[in-house]
Amino acid sequence: MWNEVIDAQVYVVERAKTMLHDWQDAHRFHNTSCAQPRQEGNVKWIKPTERRFKCNIDASFSQLSNRVGIGVCIMDDTGTFVLAETEWFTPVCEVHVGEALGLLSALEWVHQLHLGPIDFELNAKKVLIVFHLQVRIVIPQFLT
């Protein structure tokens, strides 16, 4: 029981497994990144191919204000700024959830803009892995 809310055992166990996997991933990432320092000079934004747009997405997390911020920026094939959007929501959540919500928000926004072909780029490794490993991808109704 927490805050007078009782969760079913299956939900508690599932959350515990998720937290354990997140901790293991973070520990593995920390050990890998300490052994092989990242070379910041080699990180460079690459513009999309001709007649395409690129949509960069990132999330920020503030425990202090209990909010998650989403930033979305669209550039054209020349690397010229097109549009940007920010969004905030509460409460603060796990990083992979916030990053996934950022991707969803960007997909919805781009759909409303009726832009041409677009590439999405984000740095949330866990979200990308899960997204690309899905055997059956359910396309939200707003995209059909």
Protein backbone atom coordinates (compact mmCIF):
# COMPACT_ATOMS: atom_id res chain seq x y z
CA MET A 1 0.00 0.00 0.00
CA TRP A 2 1.29 3.48 -0.90
CA ASN A 3 -0.73 6.69 -0.47
CA GLU A 4 -3.72 4.53 0.43
CA VAL A 5 -3.61 2.78 -2.96
CA ILE A 6 -3.28 -0.98 -3.11
CA ASP A 7 -1.83 -2.43 -6.32
CA ALA A 8 -2.33 -5.98 -7.47
CA GLN A 9 0.71 -8.20 -6.96
CA VAL A 10 1.19 -8.65 -10.70
CA TYR A 11 1.64 -4.86 -11.17
CA VAL A 12 4.09 -4.62 -8.30
CA VAL A 13 6.14 -7.51 -9.67
CA GLU A 14 6.08 -6.05 -13.20
CA ARG A 15 7.26 -2.64 -11.94
CA ALA A 16 10.02 -4.31 -9.94
CA LYS A 17 11.19 -6.22 -13.03
CA THR A 18 11.17 -3.02 -15.09
CA MET A 19 13.15 -1.16 -12.44
CA LEU A 20 15.66 -4.01 -12.26
CA HIS A 21 16.10 -4.07 -16.04
CA ASP A 22 16.48 -0.27 -16.11
CA TRP A 23 19.10 -0.44 -13.37
CA GLN A 24 20.97 -3.22 -15.20
CA ASP A 25 20.88 -1.23 -18.47
CA ALA A 26 22.14 1.89 -16.70
CA HIS A 27 24.89 -0.10 -14.97
CA ARG A 28 25.94 -1.71 -18.27
CA PHE A 29 25.90 1.69 -20.01
CA HIS A 30 27.89 3.28 -17.18
CA ASN A 31 30.56 0.56 -17.30
CA THR A 32 30.77 0.75 -21.09
CA SER A 33 30.93 4.53 -21.19
CA CYS A 34 33.61 4.62 -18.47
CA ALA A 35 35.74 2.09 -20.32
CA GLN A 36 35.38 3.91 -23.66
CA PRO A 37 35.07 7.66 -23.14
CA ARG A 38 32.76 9.33 -25.64
CA GLN A 39 34.51 11.66 -28.03
CA GLU A 40 32.29 14.73 -28.17
CA GLY A 41 34.12 16.10 -31.21
CA ASN A 42 32.88 13.19 -33.34
CA VAL A 43 29.18 13.81 -32.68
CA LYS A 44 27.68 15.75 -35.56
CA TRP A 45 24.14 16.37 -36.75
CA ILE A 46 23.60 14.99 -40.25
CA LYS A 47 21.03 16.63 -42.49
CA PRO A 48 18.37 14.45 -44.14
CA THR A 49 18.57 13.32 -47.73
CA GLU A 50 17.24 15.55 -50.49
CA ARG A 51 13.51 16.46 -50.32
CA ARG A 52 13.15 15.08 -46.76
CA PHE A 53 12.83 16.70 -43.36
CA LYS A 54 14.46 15.67 -40.10
CA CYS A 55 12.65 15.85 -36.77
CA ASN A 56 14.88 15.79 -33.68
CA ILE A 57 13.22 14.91 -30.38
CA ASP A 58 14.44 15.07 -26.80
CA ALA A 59 12.95 15.05 -23.32
CA SER A 60 14.03 16.70 -20.08
CA PHE A 61 13.03 15.69 -16.57
CA SER A 62 12.62 17.97 -13.55
CA GLN A 63 12.07 16.24 -10.23
CA LEU A 64 11.86 19.67 -8.59
CA SER A 65 8.88 20.85 -10.66
CA ASN A 66 7.55 17.30 -11.22
CA ARG A 67 7.40 17.88 -14.98
CA VAL A 68 8.69 16.37 -18.19
CA GLY A 69 9.61 18.68 -21.06
CA ILE A 70 9.52 17.61 -24.68
CA GLY A 71 11.46 19.48 -27.37
CA VAL A 72 10.89 18.89 -31.07
CA CYS A 73 12.80 20.60 -33.89
CA ILE A 74 12.28 20.17 -37.63
CA MET A 75 14.97 20.99 -40.21
CA ASP A 76 14.87 20.70 -43.99
CA ASP A 77 17.29 18.95 -46.34
CA THR A 78 19.61 21.99 -46.40
CA GLY A 79 19.85 22.02 -42.60
CA THR A 80 17.62 25.09 -42.34
CA PHE A 81 15.34 25.45 -39.32
CA VAL A 82 11.66 24.92 -40.21
CA LEU A 83 9.64 24.63 -36.98
CA ALA A 84 10.01 23.79 -33.31
CA GLU A 85 7.65 22.92 -30.49
CA THR A 86 7.92 22.37 -26.76
CA GLU A 87 5.48 20.64 -24.47
CA TRP A 88 5.31 19.99 -20.74
CA PHE A 89 3.42 17.34 -18.83
CA THR A 90 3.18 16.04 -15.31
CA PRO A 91 4.00 14.03 -13.34
CA VAL A 92 7.65 13.25 -13.96
CA CYS A 93 8.09 9.66 -15.18
CA GLU A 94 10.78 7.17 -16.06
CA VAL A 95 13.17 8.36 -18.77
CA HIS A 96 12.19 5.81 -21.41
CA VAL A 97 8.50 6.63 -20.88
CA GLY A 98 9.13 10.37 -21.28
CA GLU A 99 11.24 9.83 -24.39
CA ALA A 100 8.58 7.54 -25.89
CA LEU A 101 5.91 10.16 -25.15
CA GLY A 102 8.16 12.69 -26.89
CA LEU A 103 8.24 10.51 -30.00
CA LEU A 104 4.47 10.08 -29.88
CA SER A 105 3.97 13.83 -29.49
CA ALA A 106 6.28 14.50 -32.44
CA LEU A 107 4.45 11.94 -34.60
CA GLU A 108 1.11 13.57 -33.82
CA TRP A 109 2.45 17.08 -34.50
CA VAL A 110 4.12 16.15 -37.80
CA HIS A 111 0.92 14.41 -38.90
CA GLN A 112 -1.06 17.61 -38.23
CA LEU A 113 1.49 19.67 -40.21
CA HIS A 114 1.10 17.47 -43.33
CA LEU A 115 4.83 17.65 -44.04
CA GLY A 116 6.41 15.48 -46.69
CA PRO A 117 8.71 12.56 -45.93
CA ILE A 118 10.39 12.98 -42.57
CA ASP A 119 13.10 11.20 -40.59
CA PHE A 120 12.87 11.07 -36.80
CA GLU A 121 15.98 11.22 -34.64
CA LEU A 122 16.20 10.77 -30.89
CA ASN A 123 18.86 9.65 -28.43
CA ALA A 124 16.72 7.33 -26.32
CA LYS A 125 18.42 3.99 -26.88
CA LYS A 126 15.82 1.95 -25.00
CA VAL A 127 12.93 3.51 -26.97
CA LEU A 128 14.72 2.91 -30.29
CA ILE A 129 15.49 -0.71 -29.44
CA VAL A 130 11.92 -1.48 -28.42
CA PHE A 131 10.53 0.40 -31.43
CA HIS A 132 12.72 -1.49 -33.91
CA LEU A 133 12.30 -4.90 -32.25
CA GLN A 134 8.52 -4.92 -32.33
CA VAL A 135 7.28 -7.87 -34.36
CA ARG A 136 3.87 -6.30 -34.84
CA ILE A 137 3.71 -2.54 -34.86
CA VAL A 138 0.29 -1.10 -34.13
CA ILE A 139 -0.20 2.13 -36.07
CA PRO A 140 -2.24 4.66 -34.10
CA GLN A 141 -5.54 5.56 -35.76
CA PHE A 142 -4.48 9.16 -36.30
CA LEU A 143 -1.72 7.94 -38.66
CA THR A 144 -3.99 5.83 -40.87
